[in-house]
């Protein structure tokens, strides 16, 4: 008789990822009107829906973690005017994969986040990045809402 136990609890992976993102997140100075907003805004998605935990996770589901603040992408690629360490999500993906790679496939990506301040930013932004002038309005808005993210799937 052989007993096979498949361990799919993903909450510990998500908890580690969120804690790592929070530790690596820049926090504004006391003059900043919202110090810690970026650090405190990392959001967990299960199959595209915002969740407070991933207890409903089933094999084949996808977990994403992203940040809806409009400057999240600028922090990730290092285009902030203040001095902050870039690649918060990219390096966190490597740390989570190193720790939990036997249980989950973890990768860095960009995902659309269409709510909160990032949606307002995309809707009203007049910025057009050089080389993207031939984009339709829909393509430009889709590009503007793409935020850095972790993608986590069970192995």
N, C-alpha and C. Protein backbone atom coordinates (compact mmCIF):
# COMPACT_ATOMS: atom_id res chain seq x y z
N UNK A 1 0.84 -1.17 0.00
CA UNK A 1 0.00 0.00 0.00
C UNK A 1 0.89 1.25 0.00
N UNK A 2 0.61 2.16 -0.91
CA UNK A 2 1.41 3.38 -1.03
C UNK A 2 0.51 4.59 -0.78
N UNK A 3 0.97 5.48 0.07
CA UNK A 3 0.23 6.70 0.37
C UNK A 3 0.94 7.87 -0.30
N UNK A 4 0.20 8.63 -1.07
CA UNK A 4 0.76 9.79 -1.74
C UNK A 4 0.07 11.03 -1.19
N UNK A 5 0.85 11.96 -0.69
CA UNK A 5 0.30 13.21 -0.15
C UNK A 5 0.82 14.36 -1.00
N UNK A 6 -0.08 15.11 -1.59
CA UNK A 6 0.31 16.27 -2.40
C UNK A 6 0.05 17.53 -1.58
N UNK A 7 1.12 18.22 -1.24
CA UNK A 7 1.06 19.40 -0.39
C UNK A 7 0.89 20.63 -1.27
N UNK A 8 -0.31 21.24 -1.25
CA UNK A 8 -0.58 22.39 -2.10
C UNK A 8 -0.75 23.69 -1.32
N UNK A 9 -0.51 23.68 -0.03
CA UNK A 9 -0.66 24.91 0.75
C UNK A 9 0.32 25.96 0.21
N UNK A 10 -0.23 27.04 -0.30
CA UNK A 10 0.59 28.07 -0.93
C UNK A 10 0.72 29.32 -0.07
N UNK A 11 -0.02 29.37 1.05
CA UNK A 11 -0.02 30.60 1.85
C UNK A 11 1.37 30.94 2.38
N UNK A 12 2.16 29.93 2.77
CA UNK A 12 3.50 30.23 3.29
C UNK A 12 4.40 30.84 2.21
N UNK A 13 4.20 30.44 0.97
CA UNK A 13 4.97 31.03 -0.14
C UNK A 13 4.55 32.48 -0.33
N UNK A 14 3.25 32.74 -0.31
CA UNK A 14 2.74 34.10 -0.47
C UNK A 14 3.19 34.98 0.71
N UNK A 15 3.12 34.45 1.92
CA UNK A 15 3.55 35.22 3.10
C UNK A 15 5.02 35.61 3.00
N UNK A 16 5.86 34.66 2.58
CA UNK A 16 7.28 34.95 2.41
C UNK A 16 7.49 36.01 1.32
N UNK A 17 6.78 35.88 0.22
CA UNK A 17 6.91 36.84 -0.88
C UNK A 17 6.50 38.24 -0.44
N UNK A 18 5.35 38.35 0.23
CA UNK A 18 4.88 39.66 0.70
C UNK A 18 5.87 40.26 1.69
N UNK A 19 6.34 39.47 2.63
CA UNK A 19 7.29 39.98 3.62
C UNK A 19 8.59 40.43 2.95
N UNK A 20 9.07 39.68 1.98
CA UNK A 20 10.28 40.06 1.25
C UNK A 20 10.06 41.35 0.47
N UNK A 21 8.91 41.47 -0.20
CA UNK A 21 8.60 42.70 -0.93
C UNK A 21 8.54 43.89 0.02
N UNK A 22 7.92 43.71 1.17
CA UNK A 22 7.83 44.81 2.15
C UNK A 22 9.22 45.23 2.65
N UNK A 23 10.08 44.26 2.92
CA UNK A 23 11.43 44.56 3.39
C UNK A 23 12.25 45.30 2.33
N UNK A 24 12.04 44.97 1.08
CA UNK A 24 12.81 45.56 -0.02
C UNK A 24 12.20 46.87 -0.53
N UNK A 25 11.00 47.21 -0.07
CA UNK A 25 10.29 48.39 -0.56
C UNK A 25 10.85 49.69 -0.01
N UNK A 26 10.99 50.70 -0.87
CA UNK A 26 11.38 52.01 -0.37
C UNK A 26 10.22 52.65 0.40
N UNK A 27 10.58 53.47 1.38
CA UNK A 27 9.61 54.20 2.18
C UNK A 27 9.97 55.67 2.10
N UNK A 28 8.98 56.51 1.83
CA UNK A 28 9.23 57.95 1.69
C UNK A 28 9.70 58.59 2.99
N UNK A 29 10.14 59.81 2.87
CA UNK A 29 10.61 60.56 4.03
C UNK A 29 9.41 61.12 4.80
N UNK A 30 9.70 61.79 5.91
CA UNK A 30 8.62 62.37 6.71
C UNK A 30 7.90 63.49 5.96
N UNK A 31 8.55 64.07 4.95
CA UNK A 31 7.92 65.11 4.14
C UNK A 31 6.96 64.53 3.10
N UNK A 32 7.05 63.25 2.86
CA UNK A 32 6.19 62.58 1.89
C UNK A 32 4.76 62.55 2.44
N UNK A 33 3.76 62.94 1.64
CA UNK A 33 2.39 62.91 2.15
C UNK A 33 1.87 61.49 2.44
N UNK A 34 2.48 60.48 1.84
CA UNK A 34 2.04 59.09 2.05
C UNK A 34 3.24 58.18 2.27
N UNK A 35 4.03 58.38 3.33
CA UNK A 35 5.19 57.50 3.52
C UNK A 35 4.73 56.06 3.76
N UNK A 36 5.37 55.13 3.06
CA UNK A 36 5.04 53.72 3.21
C UNK A 36 3.90 53.25 2.34
N UNK A 37 3.34 54.10 1.49
CA UNK A 37 2.21 53.70 0.65
C UNK A 37 2.60 52.56 -0.29
N UNK A 38 3.76 52.67 -0.94
CA UNK A 38 4.22 51.60 -1.84
C UNK A 38 4.42 50.31 -1.04
N UNK A 39 5.12 50.40 0.08
CA UNK A 39 5.42 49.22 0.91
C UNK A 39 4.13 48.52 1.35
N UNK A 40 3.10 49.29 1.67
CA UNK A 40 1.88 48.73 2.22
C UNK A 40 0.83 48.37 1.16
N UNK A 41 1.15 48.56 -0.12
CA UNK A 41 0.15 48.34 -1.18
C UNK A 41 0.36 47.08 -2.00
N UNK A 42 1.29 46.22 -1.64
CA UNK A 42 1.46 44.96 -2.37
C UNK A 42 0.16 44.15 -2.22
N UNK A 43 -0.37 43.68 -3.34
CA UNK A 43 -1.70 43.08 -3.39
C UNK A 43 -1.62 41.68 -3.96
N UNK A 44 -2.35 40.75 -3.36
CA UNK A 44 -2.37 39.35 -3.79
C UNK A 44 -3.61 39.11 -4.65
N UNK A 45 -3.39 38.45 -5.79
CA UNK A 45 -4.47 38.08 -6.71
C UNK A 45 -4.48 36.56 -6.84
N UNK A 46 -5.66 35.98 -6.84
CA UNK A 46 -5.83 34.55 -7.12
C UNK A 46 -6.72 34.46 -8.35
N UNK A 47 -6.15 33.96 -9.44
CA UNK A 47 -6.86 33.88 -10.72
C UNK A 47 -7.45 35.22 -11.14
N UNK A 48 -6.69 36.29 -10.91
CA UNK A 48 -7.10 37.63 -11.34
C UNK A 48 -7.96 38.39 -10.37
N UNK A 49 -8.33 37.80 -9.24
CA UNK A 49 -9.18 38.47 -8.26
C UNK A 49 -8.38 38.79 -7.00
N UNK A 50 -8.56 39.98 -6.46
CA UNK A 50 -7.88 40.38 -5.23
C UNK A 50 -8.40 39.52 -4.07
N UNK A 51 -7.47 38.96 -3.30
CA UNK A 51 -7.83 38.12 -2.15
C UNK A 51 -6.98 38.52 -0.94
N UNK A 52 -7.49 38.20 0.24
CA UNK A 52 -6.73 38.47 1.46
C UNK A 52 -5.85 37.28 1.83
N UNK A 53 -6.23 36.08 1.37
CA UNK A 53 -5.39 34.89 1.54
C UNK A 53 -5.65 33.95 0.36
N UNK A 54 -4.83 32.93 0.24
CA UNK A 54 -4.96 32.02 -0.90
C UNK A 54 -5.44 30.64 -0.45
N UNK A 55 -6.27 30.60 0.58
CA UNK A 55 -6.77 29.32 1.09
C UNK A 55 -7.63 28.59 0.06
N UNK A 56 -8.20 29.31 -0.91
CA UNK A 56 -9.02 28.68 -1.95
C UNK A 56 -8.18 28.15 -3.12
N UNK A 57 -6.86 28.23 -3.03
CA UNK A 57 -5.97 27.79 -4.11
C UNK A 57 -6.18 26.31 -4.43
N UNK A 58 -6.25 26.00 -5.72
CA UNK A 58 -6.33 24.63 -6.21
C UNK A 58 -5.29 24.44 -7.31
N UNK A 59 -4.90 23.21 -7.53
CA UNK A 59 -3.92 22.92 -8.59
C UNK A 59 -4.39 23.52 -9.91
N UNK A 60 -3.49 24.20 -10.59
CA UNK A 60 -3.82 24.86 -11.85
C UNK A 60 -4.13 26.34 -11.68
N UNK A 61 -4.37 26.79 -10.45
CA UNK A 61 -4.63 28.21 -10.20
C UNK A 61 -3.35 29.02 -10.31
N UNK A 62 -3.52 30.31 -10.49
CA UNK A 62 -2.37 31.21 -10.59
C UNK A 62 -2.48 32.30 -9.53
N UNK A 63 -1.39 32.52 -8.82
CA UNK A 63 -1.30 33.58 -7.83
C UNK A 63 -0.41 34.67 -8.43
N UNK A 64 -0.84 35.91 -8.31
CA UNK A 64 -0.01 37.05 -8.68
C UNK A 64 0.07 37.98 -7.49
N UNK A 65 1.19 38.66 -7.37
CA UNK A 65 1.34 39.73 -6.39
C UNK A 65 1.82 40.93 -7.17
N UNK A 66 1.13 42.05 -7.01
CA UNK A 66 1.50 43.28 -7.71
C UNK A 66 1.21 44.46 -6.81
N UNK A 67 1.43 45.66 -7.34
CA UNK A 67 1.26 46.88 -6.57
C UNK A 67 0.51 47.91 -7.41
N UNK A 68 -0.64 48.41 -6.94
CA UNK A 68 -1.44 49.33 -7.75
C UNK A 68 -1.02 50.79 -7.69
N UNK A 69 0.05 51.14 -6.98
CA UNK A 69 0.45 52.56 -6.98
C UNK A 69 1.05 52.89 -8.35
N UNK A 70 0.75 54.09 -8.89
CA UNK A 70 1.16 54.41 -10.26
C UNK A 70 2.66 54.41 -10.49
N UNK A 71 3.45 54.64 -9.46
CA UNK A 71 4.90 54.72 -9.63
C UNK A 71 5.61 53.39 -9.37
N UNK A 72 4.85 52.32 -9.24
CA UNK A 72 5.44 51.00 -9.00
C UNK A 72 6.39 50.58 -10.12
N UNK A 73 5.97 50.82 -11.36
CA UNK A 73 6.82 50.45 -12.50
C UNK A 73 8.10 51.28 -12.51
N UNK A 74 7.99 52.57 -12.15
CA UNK A 74 9.18 53.42 -12.11
C UNK A 74 10.17 52.94 -11.05
N UNK A 75 9.66 52.50 -9.91
CA UNK A 75 10.54 51.96 -8.87
C UNK A 75 11.24 50.71 -9.41
N UNK A 76 10.48 49.85 -10.08
CA UNK A 76 11.04 48.58 -10.57
C UNK A 76 12.15 48.80 -11.59
N UNK A 77 11.97 49.73 -12.50
CA UNK A 77 12.98 49.90 -13.55
C UNK A 77 14.01 50.98 -13.22
N UNK A 78 13.86 51.61 -12.05
CA UNK A 78 14.88 52.56 -11.60
C UNK A 78 14.74 53.95 -12.18
N UNK A 79 13.53 54.39 -12.44
CA UNK A 79 13.33 55.71 -13.03
C UNK A 79 12.74 56.71 -12.04
N UNK A 80 12.95 56.50 -10.76
CA UNK A 80 12.46 57.45 -9.77
C UNK A 80 13.50 58.57 -9.61
N UNK A 81 13.02 59.77 -9.32
CA UNK A 81 13.93 60.89 -9.11
C UNK A 81 14.67 60.75 -7.79
N UNK A 82 14.04 60.10 -6.82
CA UNK A 82 14.72 59.88 -5.55
C UNK A 82 15.60 58.63 -5.67
N UNK A 83 16.49 58.48 -4.74
CA UNK A 83 17.42 57.35 -4.78
C UNK A 83 16.78 56.14 -4.09
N UNK A 84 16.30 55.19 -4.89
CA UNK A 84 15.75 53.94 -4.36
C UNK A 84 16.36 52.79 -5.13
N UNK A 85 16.42 51.65 -4.48
CA UNK A 85 16.93 50.46 -5.14
C UNK A 85 15.89 49.93 -6.12
N UNK A 86 16.25 49.75 -7.39
CA UNK A 86 15.29 49.21 -8.37
C UNK A 86 15.17 47.69 -8.24
N UNK A 87 14.33 47.12 -9.06
CA UNK A 87 14.15 45.67 -9.19
C UNK A 87 13.62 45.00 -7.93
N UNK A 88 12.69 45.66 -7.24
CA UNK A 88 12.10 45.10 -6.03
C UNK A 88 11.44 43.76 -6.33
N UNK A 89 10.60 43.72 -7.36
CA UNK A 89 9.89 42.49 -7.71
C UNK A 89 10.80 41.48 -8.39
N UNK A 90 11.67 41.94 -9.26
CA UNK A 90 12.54 41.03 -9.99
C UNK A 90 13.45 40.25 -9.03
N UNK A 91 14.04 40.94 -8.08
CA UNK A 91 14.93 40.26 -7.14
C UNK A 91 14.16 39.42 -6.13
N UNK A 92 12.95 39.86 -5.76
CA UNK A 92 12.12 39.07 -4.87
C UNK A 92 11.73 37.75 -5.54
N UNK A 93 11.44 37.78 -6.83
CA UNK A 93 11.11 36.55 -7.56
C UNK A 93 12.25 35.54 -7.44
N UNK A 94 13.48 36.01 -7.55
CA UNK A 94 14.63 35.11 -7.43
C UNK A 94 14.74 34.51 -6.02
N UNK A 95 14.49 35.34 -5.00
CA UNK A 95 14.57 34.86 -3.62
C UNK A 95 13.47 33.84 -3.31
N UNK A 96 12.25 34.11 -3.77
CA UNK A 96 11.13 33.19 -3.52
C UNK A 96 11.37 31.88 -4.29
N UNK A 97 11.83 31.97 -5.53
CA UNK A 97 12.11 30.77 -6.31
C UNK A 97 13.22 29.94 -5.68
N UNK A 98 14.24 30.60 -5.13
CA UNK A 98 15.32 29.87 -4.49
C UNK A 98 14.85 29.12 -3.25
N UNK A 99 13.93 29.71 -2.53
CA UNK A 99 13.45 29.08 -1.30
C UNK A 99 12.36 28.03 -1.54
N UNK A 100 11.47 28.28 -2.51
CA UNK A 100 10.32 27.41 -2.71
C UNK A 100 10.26 26.79 -4.10
N UNK A 101 11.37 26.78 -4.82
CA UNK A 101 11.39 26.29 -6.19
C UNK A 101 10.98 24.85 -6.35
N UNK A 102 11.09 24.05 -5.30
CA UNK A 102 10.66 22.65 -5.39
C UNK A 102 9.14 22.52 -5.31
N UNK A 103 8.44 23.57 -4.81
CA UNK A 103 6.99 23.52 -4.67
C UNK A 103 6.25 24.42 -5.65
N UNK A 104 6.93 25.46 -6.13
CA UNK A 104 6.23 26.43 -6.98
C UNK A 104 7.16 26.99 -8.04
N UNK A 105 6.57 27.30 -9.19
CA UNK A 105 7.28 28.02 -10.25
C UNK A 105 6.99 29.50 -10.01
N UNK A 106 8.04 30.28 -9.84
CA UNK A 106 7.90 31.71 -9.53
C UNK A 106 8.63 32.48 -10.60
N UNK A 107 7.95 33.49 -11.16
CA UNK A 107 8.64 34.31 -12.15
C UNK A 107 8.21 35.77 -12.02
N UNK A 108 9.09 36.63 -12.46
CA UNK A 108 8.83 38.07 -12.51
C UNK A 108 8.17 38.38 -13.85
N UNK A 109 7.16 39.22 -13.82
CA UNK A 109 6.47 39.62 -15.04
C UNK A 109 5.84 41.00 -14.83
N UNK A 110 5.14 41.48 -15.81
CA UNK A 110 4.32 42.67 -15.67
C UNK A 110 2.88 42.24 -15.93
N UNK A 111 1.96 42.72 -15.11
CA UNK A 111 0.55 42.35 -15.28
C UNK A 111 -0.32 43.60 -15.26
N UNK A 112 -1.46 43.56 -15.94
CA UNK A 112 -2.36 44.70 -15.89
C UNK A 112 -3.04 44.80 -14.53
N UNK A 113 -3.02 45.98 -13.95
CA UNK A 113 -3.72 46.28 -12.70
C UNK A 113 -4.66 47.42 -13.03
N UNK A 114 -5.94 47.14 -13.09
CA UNK A 114 -6.91 48.13 -13.58
C UNK A 114 -7.80 48.68 -12.47
N UNK A 115 -7.23 49.00 -11.35
CA UNK A 115 -8.01 49.62 -10.28
C UNK A 115 -7.09 50.55 -9.49
N UNK A 116 -7.68 51.33 -8.61
CA UNK A 116 -6.90 52.23 -7.76
C UNK A 116 -6.28 53.36 -8.55
N UNK A 117 -5.23 53.93 -8.00
CA UNK A 117 -4.57 55.08 -8.59
C UNK A 117 -3.96 54.78 -9.95
N UNK A 118 -3.53 53.55 -10.18
CA UNK A 118 -2.91 53.23 -11.46
C UNK A 118 -3.93 53.31 -12.59
N UNK A 119 -5.18 52.95 -12.33
CA UNK A 119 -6.22 53.06 -13.35
C UNK A 119 -6.49 54.53 -13.67
N UNK A 120 -6.54 55.37 -12.65
CA UNK A 120 -6.76 56.80 -12.87
C UNK A 120 -5.58 57.40 -13.63
N UNK A 121 -4.38 56.98 -13.28
CA UNK A 121 -3.19 57.46 -13.97
C UNK A 121 -3.24 57.09 -15.45
N UNK A 122 -3.60 55.85 -15.74
CA UNK A 122 -3.66 55.39 -17.13
C UNK A 122 -4.75 56.12 -17.91
N UNK A 123 -5.87 56.37 -17.27
CA UNK A 123 -6.99 57.01 -17.95
C UNK A 123 -6.70 58.46 -18.31
N UNK A 124 -5.94 59.15 -17.49
CA UNK A 124 -5.75 60.58 -17.70
C UNK A 124 -4.32 60.98 -18.08
N UNK A 125 -3.43 60.00 -18.21
CA UNK A 125 -2.04 60.31 -18.52
C UNK A 125 -1.89 60.86 -19.93
N UNK A 126 -1.13 61.90 -20.06
CA UNK A 126 -0.83 62.47 -21.37
C UNK A 126 0.57 62.06 -21.82
N UNK A 127 1.24 61.22 -21.01
CA UNK A 127 2.61 60.82 -21.34
C UNK A 127 2.59 59.76 -22.43
N UNK A 128 3.38 59.97 -23.45
CA UNK A 128 3.57 58.96 -24.48
C UNK A 128 5.07 58.72 -24.57
N UNK A 129 5.48 57.54 -24.26
CA UNK A 129 6.91 57.21 -24.28
C UNK A 129 7.43 57.24 -25.71
N UNK A 130 8.64 57.75 -25.88
CA UNK A 130 9.26 57.80 -27.21
C UNK A 130 9.27 56.41 -27.82
N UNK A 131 8.94 56.35 -29.11
CA UNK A 131 8.90 55.06 -29.80
C UNK A 131 7.55 54.38 -29.73
N UNK A 132 6.63 54.92 -28.95
CA UNK A 132 5.30 54.32 -28.81
C UNK A 132 4.23 55.28 -29.35
N UNK A 133 4.59 56.20 -30.17
CA UNK A 133 3.64 57.20 -30.66
C UNK A 133 2.58 56.62 -31.58
N UNK A 134 2.80 55.45 -32.12
CA UNK A 134 1.85 54.84 -33.05
C UNK A 134 0.90 53.88 -32.35
N UNK A 135 0.82 53.96 -31.04
CA UNK A 135 -0.06 53.08 -30.29
C UNK A 135 -1.49 53.61 -30.33
N UNK A 136 -2.45 52.72 -30.39
CA UNK A 136 -3.84 53.14 -30.27
C UNK A 136 -4.08 53.56 -28.82
N UNK A 137 -5.18 54.25 -28.58
CA UNK A 137 -5.49 54.66 -27.21
C UNK A 137 -5.63 53.46 -26.29
N UNK A 138 -6.27 52.39 -26.79
CA UNK A 138 -6.44 51.19 -25.98
C UNK A 138 -5.09 50.54 -25.67
N UNK A 139 -4.23 50.44 -26.67
CA UNK A 139 -2.90 49.84 -26.45
C UNK A 139 -2.09 50.68 -25.46
N UNK A 140 -2.20 52.00 -25.57
CA UNK A 140 -1.47 52.88 -24.67
C UNK A 140 -1.99 52.71 -23.24
N UNK A 141 -3.31 52.64 -23.07
CA UNK A 141 -3.86 52.45 -21.73
C UNK A 141 -3.47 51.09 -21.16
N UNK A 142 -3.48 50.05 -21.99
CA UNK A 142 -3.04 48.72 -21.54
C UNK A 142 -1.58 48.76 -21.09
N UNK A 143 -0.75 49.48 -21.84
CA UNK A 143 0.66 49.60 -21.47
C UNK A 143 0.82 50.36 -20.16
N UNK A 144 0.01 51.41 -19.96
CA UNK A 144 0.13 52.23 -18.76
C UNK A 144 -0.29 51.52 -17.48
N UNK A 145 -1.15 50.51 -17.56
CA UNK A 145 -1.59 49.81 -16.35
C UNK A 145 -0.76 48.56 -16.04
N UNK A 146 0.22 48.24 -16.84
CA UNK A 146 1.04 47.06 -16.59
C UNK A 146 2.02 47.37 -15.45
N UNK A 147 1.90 46.61 -14.38
CA UNK A 147 2.71 46.82 -13.19
C UNK A 147 3.61 45.60 -12.95
N UNK A 148 4.74 45.79 -12.29
CA UNK A 148 5.59 44.65 -11.97
C UNK A 148 4.82 43.67 -11.08
N UNK A 149 5.09 42.40 -11.28
CA UNK A 149 4.34 41.37 -10.54
C UNK A 149 5.15 40.10 -10.39
N UNK A 150 4.78 39.33 -9.38
CA UNK A 150 5.26 37.96 -9.23
C UNK A 150 4.14 37.05 -9.71
N UNK A 151 4.49 36.02 -10.43
CA UNK A 151 3.53 35.00 -10.86
C UNK A 151 3.96 33.70 -10.19
N UNK A 152 3.02 33.09 -9.45
CA UNK A 152 3.32 31.88 -8.69
C UNK A 152 2.33 30.78 -9.09
N UNK A 153 2.87 29.62 -9.48
CA UNK A 153 2.06 28.46 -9.83
C UNK A 153 2.65 27.23 -9.11
N UNK A 154 1.78 26.33 -8.70
CA UNK A 154 2.23 25.10 -8.04
C UNK A 154 2.93 24.21 -9.05
N UNK A 155 3.92 23.49 -8.62
CA UNK A 155 4.60 22.52 -9.48
C UNK A 155 3.86 21.21 -9.45
